[in-house]
Amino acid sequence: MRINWHEYFMAQAMLLSLRSTCERLSVGATIVKDNRIIAGGYNGSVSGEVHCVDEGCYVEDGHCIRTIHAEINGLLQCSKFGVSTEGASVYVTHFPCINCTKSLIQAGIKNVYYRADYKNHPYAIELLNKNNVNYELIELDNKKVNMYFESIE
């Protein structure tokens, strides 16, 4: 059974989340343009720095300041390699925080697809609406995805 595009890209985001080094929440993001993956990211430390899984989270005011969010890591990957995000979509395992939402809008992302609600900030929703950015909860049928892996064992 073939999965649809939303399921495919969300599964990619879920796979990326397995690389997360955050102890509090593992998040993955896949940036897509014209049905092609242009970048991926997960939440973790700055390259070369210690990771939360190794030394614990560096928490100030209830937030880990050591971690770069998955969406930002994906956008930075595009920036580093000169890939335009204008008109692209992002598939992210959790609803983006307010700072990620602002960055996604500023980067020209037009669709935000997420698998789970997570502290959905009212201002983030307001900004998405004001900027005509589509946002949608995507349900992934785990049975379809698992069925594939079970069939190759």
Foldseek 3Di string as FASTA:
>chain_A
DDDDLLQVQLVVFVVQLVVELAPPDRKKKFKFDPSHTPFIFIKFADPPDDTCNVVNFCDDPRDRPRIDHTLVRRVVVCVVVVHQSAAIEMEMAEDDDQVSLVVCLVSNHQEYEYAYYDPPDPVSVVVCVVSNRHYYHDHHDVCVVVVVVVVVD
